[in-house]
Amino acid sequence: MSKPLEPITSTALHELLAGGATPRLLDVREPHEYVSELGHVAGSELVPLGTLPNSLARFAGETREIVVICRSGMRAGQAADFLAKNGFQTRVLTGGMLAWNEAKLPTSRDP
């Protein structure tokens, strides 16, 4: 059974994205959280945790690493475990959007 890769920090993810890397960014919060004051990482796609099992087909053939994001890391951990068990390379953003905002990294509030 597969497990998620080591978590990634906000700063490391920001540097990775700035360097041109293109992991798939998956935000598993609810729609209202995605556009809330915490915002989201630009380029992330919203798939709420509760809808993930029924959305698995969206990831068919994905070979990139999937970085899973939530508010603090808890839901992202659940999603990363689920996706890893289904054969995907996943990693959790440590501390979620709380840590991303604390590091004063850019966010989007676009739906």
C-alpha atoms as a PDB file:
ATOM      1  CA  MET A   1       0.000   0.000   0.000  1.00  0.00           C
ATOM      2  CA  SER A   2       1.372   3.393  -0.981  1.00  0.00           C
ATOM      3  CA  LYS A   3       1.814   6.260   1.407  1.00  0.00           C
ATOM      4  CA  PRO A   4       2.169   9.999   0.786  1.00  0.00           C
ATOM      5  CA  LEU A   5       5.631  11.446   0.291  1.00  0.00           C
ATOM      6  CA  GLU A   6       7.196  13.677   2.931  1.00  0.00           C
ATOM      7  CA  PRO A   7       5.154  16.860   3.550  1.00  0.00           C
ATOM      8  CA  ILE A   8       6.308  20.073   1.894  1.00  0.00           C
ATOM      9  CA  THR A   9       6.602  23.454   3.603  1.00  0.00           C
ATOM     10  CA  SER A  10       5.015  26.613   2.242  1.00  0.00           C
ATOM     11  CA  THR A  11       8.387  28.138   1.437  1.00  0.00           C
ATOM     12  CA  ALA A  12       9.601  25.000  -0.343  1.00  0.00           C
ATOM     13  CA  LEU A  13       6.396  24.794  -2.409  1.00  0.00           C
ATOM     14  CA  HIS A  14       6.616  28.487  -3.311  1.00  0.00           C
ATOM     15  CA  GLU A  15      10.238  28.009  -4.441  1.00  0.00           C
ATOM     16  CA  LEU A  16       9.273  24.897  -6.418  1.00  0.00           C
ATOM     17  CA  LEU A  17       6.489  26.776  -8.225  1.00  0.00           C
ATOM     18  CA  ALA A  18       8.725  29.811  -8.819  1.00  0.00           C
ATOM     19  CA  GLY A  19      11.325  27.489 -10.329  1.00  0.00           C
ATOM     20  CA  GLY A  20       8.895  26.333 -12.978  1.00  0.00           C
ATOM     21  CA  ALA A  21       7.944  23.002 -11.437  1.00  0.00           C
ATOM     22  CA  THR A  22       4.354  22.020 -12.085  1.00  0.00           C
ATOM     23  CA  PRO A  23       3.027  19.714  -9.397  1.00  0.00           C
ATOM     24  CA  ARG A  24      -0.742  19.380  -9.429  1.00  0.00           C
ATOM     25  CA  LEU A  25      -2.163  21.540  -6.639  1.00  0.00           C
ATOM     26  CA  LEU A  26      -5.302  20.144  -5.060  1.00  0.00           C
ATOM     27  CA  ASP A  27      -7.266  22.151  -2.489  1.00  0.00           C
ATOM     28  CA  VAL A  28      -9.675  19.931  -0.522  1.00  0.00           C
ATOM     29  CA  ARG A  29     -11.471  22.637   1.469  1.00  0.00           C
ATOM     30  CA  GLU A  30     -15.079  23.659   0.941  1.00  0.00           C
ATOM     31  CA  PRO A  31     -15.926  26.216  -1.789  1.00  0.00           C
ATOM     32  CA  HIS A  32     -16.559  29.040   0.708  1.00  0.00           C
ATOM     33  CA  GLU A  33     -13.133  28.432   2.286  1.00  0.00           C
ATOM     34  CA  TYR A  34     -11.412  28.489  -1.111  1.00  0.00           C
ATOM     35  CA  VAL A  35     -12.450  32.124  -1.658  1.00  0.00           C
ATOM     36  CA  SER A  36     -12.306  33.170   2.017  1.00  0.00           C
ATOM     37  CA  GLU A  37      -9.831  35.553   3.619  1.00  0.00           C
ATOM     38  CA  LEU A  38      -7.148  32.817   3.612  1.00  0.00           C
ATOM     39  CA  GLY A  39      -7.550  32.505  -0.140  1.00  0.00           C
ATOM     40  CA  HIS A  40      -5.862  29.700  -2.049  1.00  0.00           C
ATOM     41  CA  VAL A  41      -2.626  29.010  -3.872  1.00  0.00           C
ATOM     42  CA  ALA A  42      -2.964  30.297  -7.428  1.00  0.00           C
ATOM     43  CA  GLY A  43      -3.311  27.428  -9.860  1.00  0.00           C
ATOM     44  CA  SER A  44      -4.827  25.043  -7.326  1.00  0.00           C
ATOM     45  CA  GLU A  45      -7.989  23.170  -8.182  1.00  0.00           C
ATOM     46  CA  LEU A  46     -10.839  22.809  -5.727  1.00  0.00           C
ATOM     47  CA  VAL A  47     -12.063  19.280  -4.982  1.00  0.00           C
ATOM     48  CA  PRO A  48     -13.687  19.249  -1.523  1.00  0.00           C
ATOM     49  CA  LEU A  49     -12.606  16.259   0.566  1.00  0.00           C
ATOM     50  CA  GLY A  50     -16.119  14.796   0.677  1.00  0.00           C
ATOM     51  CA  THR A  51     -16.279  14.693  -3.122  1.00  0.00           C
ATOM     52  CA  LEU A  52     -12.826  13.197  -3.657  1.00  0.00           C
ATOM     53  CA  PRO A  53     -13.844   9.517  -3.950  1.00  0.00           C
ATOM     54  CA  ASN A  54     -16.362  10.389  -6.675  1.00  0.00           C
ATOM     55  CA  SER A  55     -13.822  12.662  -8.392  1.00  0.00           C
ATOM     56  CA  LEU A  56     -11.068  10.066  -8.697  1.00  0.00           C
ATOM     57  CA  ALA A  57     -11.545   9.801 -12.478  1.00  0.00           C
ATOM     58  CA  ARG A  58     -10.308  13.409 -12.770  1.00  0.00           C
ATOM     59  CA  PHE A  59      -6.863  12.163 -11.820  1.00  0.00           C
ATOM     60  CA  ALA A  60      -6.672   9.221 -14.249  1.00  0.00           C
ATOM     61  CA  GLY A  61      -3.281   9.133 -15.915  1.00  0.00           C
ATOM     62  CA  GLU A  62      -1.802  11.837 -13.669  1.00  0.00           C
ATOM     63  CA  THR A  63       1.952  11.330 -13.418  1.00  0.00           C
ATOM     64  CA  ARG A  64       2.835  14.585 -11.653  1.00  0.00           C
ATOM     65  CA  GLU A  65       3.150  14.815  -7.909  1.00  0.00           C
ATOM     66  CA  ILE A  66      -0.088  16.039  -6.302  1.00  0.00           C
ATOM     67  CA  VAL A  67       0.366  18.577  -3.499  1.00  0.00           C
ATOM     68  CA  VAL A  68      -2.756  18.514  -1.330  1.00  0.00           C
ATOM     69  CA  ILE A  69      -3.792  21.688   0.500  1.00  0.00           C
ATOM     70  CA  CYS A  70      -6.402  22.502   3.163  1.00  0.00           C
ATOM     71  CA  ARG A  71      -6.701  24.990   6.005  1.00  0.00           C
ATOM     72  CA  SER A  72      -4.243  23.427   8.456  1.00  0.00           C
ATOM     73  CA  GLY A  73      -3.164  20.071   7.017  1.00  0.00           C
ATOM     74  CA  MET A  74      -5.648  17.619   8.543  1.00  0.00           C
ATOM     75  CA  ARG A  75      -8.018  17.176   5.580  1.00  0.00           C
ATOM     76  CA  ALA A  76      -5.090  17.308   3.195  1.00  0.00           C
ATOM     77  CA  GLY A  77      -3.555  14.374   5.051  1.00  0.00           C
ATOM     78  CA  GLN A  78      -6.722  12.333   4.630  1.00  0.00           C
ATOM     79  CA  ALA A  79      -6.915  13.204   0.938  1.00  0.00           C
ATOM     80  CA  ALA A  80      -3.226  12.457   0.368  1.00  0.00           C
ATOM     81  CA  ASP A  81      -3.610   9.045   2.036  1.00  0.00           C
ATOM     82  CA  PHE A  82      -6.643   8.251  -0.119  1.00  0.00           C
ATOM     83  CA  LEU A  83      -4.930   9.311  -3.342  1.00  0.00           C
ATOM     84  CA  ALA A  84      -1.693   7.484  -2.454  1.00  0.00           C
ATOM     85  CA  LYS A  85      -3.664   4.269  -1.842  1.00  0.00           C
ATOM     86  CA  ASN A  86      -5.071   4.750  -5.327  1.00  0.00           C
ATOM     87  CA  GLY A  87      -1.623   4.932  -6.884  1.00  0.00           C
ATOM     88  CA  PHE A  88      -0.853   8.653  -6.987  1.00  0.00           C
ATOM     89  CA  GLN A  89       2.264  10.445  -5.713  1.00  0.00           C
ATOM     90  CA  THR A  90       1.013  12.856  -3.092  1.00  0.00           C
ATOM     91  CA  ARG A  91       2.419  15.319  -0.625  1.00  0.00           C
ATOM     92  CA  VAL A  92       0.717  17.506   2.012  1.00  0.00           C
ATOM     93  CA  LEU A  93       1.344  21.221   2.384  1.00  0.00           C
ATOM     94  CA  THR A  94       2.533  21.440   6.002  1.00  0.00           C
ATOM     95  CA  GLY A  95       0.261  23.730   8.000  1.00  0.00           C
ATOM     96  CA  GLY A  96      -2.012  24.326   5.008  1.00  0.00           C
ATOM     97  CA  MET A  97      -3.200  27.782   4.053  1.00  0.00           C
ATOM     98  CA  LEU A  98      -2.623  29.004   7.625  1.00  0.00           C
ATOM     99  CA  ALA A  99       1.121  28.412   7.181  1.00  0.00           C
ATOM    100  CA  TRP A 100       1.071  29.746   3.602  1.00  0.00           C
ATOM    101  CA  ASN A 101      -0.501  33.001   4.823  1.00  0.00           C
ATOM    102  CA  GLU A 102       1.804  33.180   7.845  1.00  0.00           C
ATOM    103  CA  ALA A 103       4.752  33.033   5.439  1.00  0.00           C
ATOM    104  CA  LYS A 104       3.153  35.993   3.605  1.00  0.00           C
ATOM    105  CA  LEU A 105       3.096  34.138   0.296  1.00  0.00           C
ATOM    106  CA  PRO A 106       0.760  35.242  -2.510  1.00  0.00           C
ATOM    107  CA  THR A 107      -2.815  34.020  -2.509  1.00  0.00           C
ATOM    108  CA  SER A 108      -5.774  34.209  -4.861  1.00  0.00           C
ATOM    109  CA  ARG A 109      -9.448  34.559  -4.016  1.00  0.00           C
ATOM    110  CA  ASP A 110     -10.685  33.930  -7.535  1.00  0.00           C
ATOM    111  CA  PRO A 111     -13.283  31.141  -7.681  1.00  0.00           C
END
